[in-house]
């Protein structure tokens, strides 16, 4: 959840609005996982401002309803 990442204030971060437990993508989708891994490695070079969070444009393609993974934790 993005707000937890913001609160933790890591030096750099990538954010995907996906179900928990799938940090690199859909199971078995090697092409997607490689794109995300490349984005993560590029972030080490591209992010120059501490605390930057990059929202990746990928969308969850499985039939699971990701709205159930959102949290109204205010």
N, C-alpha and C. Protein backbone atom coordinates (compact mmCIF):
# COMPACT_ATOMS: atom_id res chain seq x y z
N UNK A 1 0.84 -1.17 0.00
CA UNK A 1 0.00 0.00 0.00
C UNK A 1 0.88 1.23 0.00
N UNK A 2 0.58 2.12 -0.89
CA UNK A 2 1.45 3.28 -1.11
C UNK A 2 1.63 4.12 0.15
N UNK A 3 0.57 4.32 0.90
CA UNK A 3 0.71 5.20 2.07
C UNK A 3 1.66 4.61 3.12
N UNK A 4 1.78 3.30 3.18
CA UNK A 4 2.74 2.69 4.09
C UNK A 4 4.17 2.92 3.59
N UNK A 5 4.34 2.85 2.29
CA UNK A 5 5.65 3.14 1.71
C UNK A 5 6.03 4.59 1.99
N UNK A 6 5.08 5.49 1.81
CA UNK A 6 5.34 6.91 2.10
C UNK A 6 5.72 7.10 3.56
N UNK A 7 5.02 6.43 4.46
CA UNK A 7 5.29 6.58 5.89
C UNK A 7 6.65 6.02 6.27
N UNK A 8 7.07 4.94 5.60
CA UNK A 8 8.36 4.33 5.91
C UNK A 8 9.54 5.16 5.39
N UNK A 9 9.28 6.01 4.41
CA UNK A 9 10.29 6.91 3.84
C UNK A 9 11.56 6.19 3.39
N UNK A 10 11.43 5.19 2.52
CA UNK A 10 12.64 4.53 2.01
C UNK A 10 13.40 5.49 1.10
N UNK A 11 14.69 5.28 0.88
CA UNK A 11 15.45 6.19 0.04
C UNK A 11 14.95 6.22 -1.40
N UNK A 12 14.42 5.13 -1.89
CA UNK A 12 13.82 5.05 -3.22
C UNK A 12 12.87 3.87 -3.23
N UNK A 13 11.83 3.98 -4.06
CA UNK A 13 10.85 2.90 -4.08
C UNK A 13 10.09 2.91 -5.40
N UNK A 14 9.63 1.73 -5.79
CA UNK A 14 8.71 1.57 -6.89
C UNK A 14 7.39 1.09 -6.30
N UNK A 15 6.29 1.55 -6.88
CA UNK A 15 4.98 1.16 -6.36
C UNK A 15 4.15 0.53 -7.46
N UNK A 16 3.54 -0.59 -7.14
CA UNK A 16 2.57 -1.27 -8.00
C UNK A 16 1.31 -1.50 -7.19
N UNK A 17 0.17 -1.14 -7.73
CA UNK A 17 -1.10 -1.36 -7.03
C UNK A 17 -1.58 -2.77 -7.34
N UNK A 18 -0.93 -3.73 -6.72
CA UNK A 18 -1.20 -5.14 -6.96
C UNK A 18 -1.47 -5.86 -5.66
N UNK A 19 -2.02 -7.07 -5.75
CA UNK A 19 -2.25 -7.85 -4.53
C UNK A 19 -0.94 -8.11 -3.78
N UNK A 20 -1.02 -8.13 -2.48
CA UNK A 20 0.15 -8.43 -1.66
C UNK A 20 0.72 -9.79 -2.05
N UNK A 21 2.03 -9.90 -1.97
CA UNK A 21 2.68 -11.16 -2.26
C UNK A 21 3.07 -11.36 -3.71
N UNK A 22 2.87 -10.34 -4.54
CA UNK A 22 3.20 -10.44 -5.96
C UNK A 22 4.09 -9.26 -6.37
N UNK A 23 5.24 -9.07 -5.74
CA UNK A 23 6.04 -7.87 -6.01
C UNK A 23 6.61 -7.79 -7.42
N UNK A 24 6.76 -8.93 -8.09
CA UNK A 24 7.34 -8.90 -9.43
C UNK A 24 6.35 -9.31 -10.51
N UNK A 25 5.09 -9.50 -10.16
CA UNK A 25 4.10 -9.76 -11.19
C UNK A 25 3.33 -11.04 -11.01
N UNK A 26 2.58 -11.33 -12.05
CA UNK A 26 1.70 -12.48 -12.05
C UNK A 26 2.50 -13.77 -12.10
N UNK A 27 2.08 -14.79 -11.37
CA UNK A 27 2.79 -16.06 -11.40
C UNK A 27 2.90 -16.61 -12.82
N UNK A 28 4.10 -17.01 -13.20
CA UNK A 28 4.33 -17.60 -14.50
C UNK A 28 4.50 -16.62 -15.65
N UNK A 29 4.31 -15.33 -15.40
CA UNK A 29 4.43 -14.32 -16.45
C UNK A 29 5.86 -13.77 -16.45
N UNK A 30 6.78 -14.54 -17.05
CA UNK A 30 8.20 -14.20 -17.00
C UNK A 30 8.51 -12.88 -17.68
N UNK A 31 7.84 -12.57 -18.78
CA UNK A 31 8.09 -11.31 -19.50
C UNK A 31 7.74 -10.12 -18.60
N UNK A 32 6.61 -10.19 -17.93
CA UNK A 32 6.19 -9.13 -17.03
C UNK A 32 7.17 -9.00 -15.86
N UNK A 33 7.56 -10.12 -15.29
CA UNK A 33 8.48 -10.11 -14.16
C UNK A 33 9.83 -9.49 -14.55
N UNK A 34 10.29 -9.79 -15.76
CA UNK A 34 11.56 -9.22 -16.23
C UNK A 34 11.44 -7.71 -16.44
N UNK A 35 10.31 -7.23 -16.95
CA UNK A 35 10.12 -5.78 -17.12
C UNK A 35 10.18 -5.08 -15.78
N UNK A 36 9.52 -5.66 -14.78
CA UNK A 36 9.49 -5.04 -13.45
C UNK A 36 10.88 -5.08 -12.82
N UNK A 37 11.58 -6.19 -12.98
CA UNK A 37 12.94 -6.29 -12.45
C UNK A 37 13.85 -5.26 -13.11
N UNK A 38 13.73 -5.08 -14.42
CA UNK A 38 14.53 -4.07 -15.11
C UNK A 38 14.18 -2.66 -14.61
N UNK A 39 12.88 -2.40 -14.40
CA UNK A 39 12.48 -1.10 -13.86
C UNK A 39 13.09 -0.88 -12.48
N UNK A 40 13.10 -1.92 -11.66
CA UNK A 40 13.65 -1.80 -10.31
C UNK A 40 15.15 -1.51 -10.37
N UNK A 41 15.86 -2.20 -11.23
CA UNK A 41 17.30 -1.96 -11.34
C UNK A 41 17.58 -0.57 -11.92
N UNK A 42 16.77 -0.13 -12.86
CA UNK A 42 16.94 1.22 -13.42
C UNK A 42 16.69 2.29 -12.38
N UNK A 43 15.80 2.01 -11.44
CA UNK A 43 15.47 3.00 -10.42
C UNK A 43 16.69 3.37 -9.58
N UNK A 44 17.62 2.43 -9.40
CA UNK A 44 18.83 2.75 -8.64
C UNK A 44 19.60 3.89 -9.30
N UNK A 45 19.58 3.93 -10.61
CA UNK A 45 20.29 4.96 -11.35
C UNK A 45 19.41 6.20 -11.56
N UNK A 46 18.13 5.99 -11.83
CA UNK A 46 17.25 7.08 -12.23
C UNK A 46 16.78 7.96 -11.07
N UNK A 47 16.58 7.37 -9.91
CA UNK A 47 16.08 8.14 -8.77
C UNK A 47 17.24 8.86 -8.10
N UNK A 48 17.17 10.17 -8.14
CA UNK A 48 18.24 10.97 -7.53
C UNK A 48 17.77 11.73 -6.30
N UNK A 49 16.47 11.87 -6.12
CA UNK A 49 15.91 12.60 -4.98
C UNK A 49 15.51 11.61 -3.89
N UNK A 50 16.09 11.72 -2.70
CA UNK A 50 15.72 10.79 -1.62
C UNK A 50 14.21 10.81 -1.34
N UNK A 51 13.66 9.65 -1.11
CA UNK A 51 12.24 9.53 -0.80
C UNK A 51 11.34 9.42 -2.01
N UNK A 52 11.93 9.39 -3.20
CA UNK A 52 11.13 9.30 -4.42
C UNK A 52 10.43 7.96 -4.53
N UNK A 53 9.17 8.00 -4.90
CA UNK A 53 8.39 6.79 -5.17
C UNK A 53 7.93 6.88 -6.62
N UNK A 54 8.27 5.89 -7.42
CA UNK A 54 7.83 5.84 -8.81
C UNK A 54 6.64 4.88 -8.90
N UNK A 55 5.54 5.39 -9.43
CA UNK A 55 4.37 4.56 -9.66
C UNK A 55 4.53 3.89 -11.03
N UNK A 56 4.64 2.58 -11.01
CA UNK A 56 4.79 1.86 -12.28
C UNK A 56 3.42 1.75 -12.97
N UNK A 57 3.42 1.77 -14.29
CA UNK A 57 2.15 1.82 -15.03
C UNK A 57 1.46 0.48 -15.24
N UNK A 58 2.03 -0.60 -14.76
CA UNK A 58 1.48 -1.92 -15.03
C UNK A 58 0.20 -2.15 -14.25
N UNK A 59 -0.71 -2.89 -14.85
CA UNK A 59 -1.99 -3.21 -14.22
C UNK A 59 -2.10 -4.71 -14.04
N UNK A 60 -2.71 -5.10 -12.95
CA UNK A 60 -2.90 -6.52 -12.64
C UNK A 60 -3.85 -7.11 -13.66
N UNK A 61 -3.44 -8.19 -14.34
CA UNK A 61 -4.22 -8.77 -15.40
C UNK A 61 -5.00 -10.02 -15.04
N UNK A 62 -4.88 -10.46 -13.83
CA UNK A 62 -5.60 -11.65 -13.39
C UNK A 62 -7.03 -11.28 -13.02
N UNK A 63 -7.93 -12.24 -13.00
CA UNK A 63 -9.33 -11.93 -12.71
C UNK A 63 -9.62 -11.52 -11.27
N UNK A 64 -8.64 -11.63 -10.38
CA UNK A 64 -8.87 -11.21 -8.99
C UNK A 64 -9.27 -9.74 -8.96
N UNK A 65 -10.15 -9.41 -8.08
CA UNK A 65 -10.58 -8.03 -7.90
C UNK A 65 -9.61 -7.36 -6.93
N UNK A 66 -8.74 -6.49 -7.45
CA UNK A 66 -7.73 -5.86 -6.60
C UNK A 66 -8.32 -4.85 -5.63
N UNK A 67 -9.59 -4.46 -5.80
CA UNK A 67 -10.17 -3.50 -4.85
C UNK A 67 -10.23 -4.09 -3.44
N UNK A 68 -10.28 -5.41 -3.34
CA UNK A 68 -10.32 -6.02 -2.01
C UNK A 68 -8.97 -5.91 -1.30
N UNK A 69 -7.93 -5.50 -2.02
CA UNK A 69 -6.61 -5.35 -1.42
C UNK A 69 -6.35 -3.92 -0.95
N UNK A 70 -7.27 -3.02 -1.21
CA UNK A 70 -7.11 -1.65 -0.76
C UNK A 70 -7.49 -1.56 0.71
N UNK A 71 -6.89 -0.62 1.37
CA UNK A 71 -7.12 -0.49 2.81
C UNK A 71 -7.53 0.93 3.15
N UNK A 72 -8.56 1.08 3.91
CA UNK A 72 -8.96 2.38 4.42
C UNK A 72 -8.43 2.47 5.84
N UNK A 73 -7.12 2.60 5.95
CA UNK A 73 -6.43 2.46 7.24
C UNK A 73 -6.11 3.80 7.90
N UNK A 74 -6.84 4.84 7.58
CA UNK A 74 -6.55 6.16 8.16
C UNK A 74 -6.86 6.23 9.63
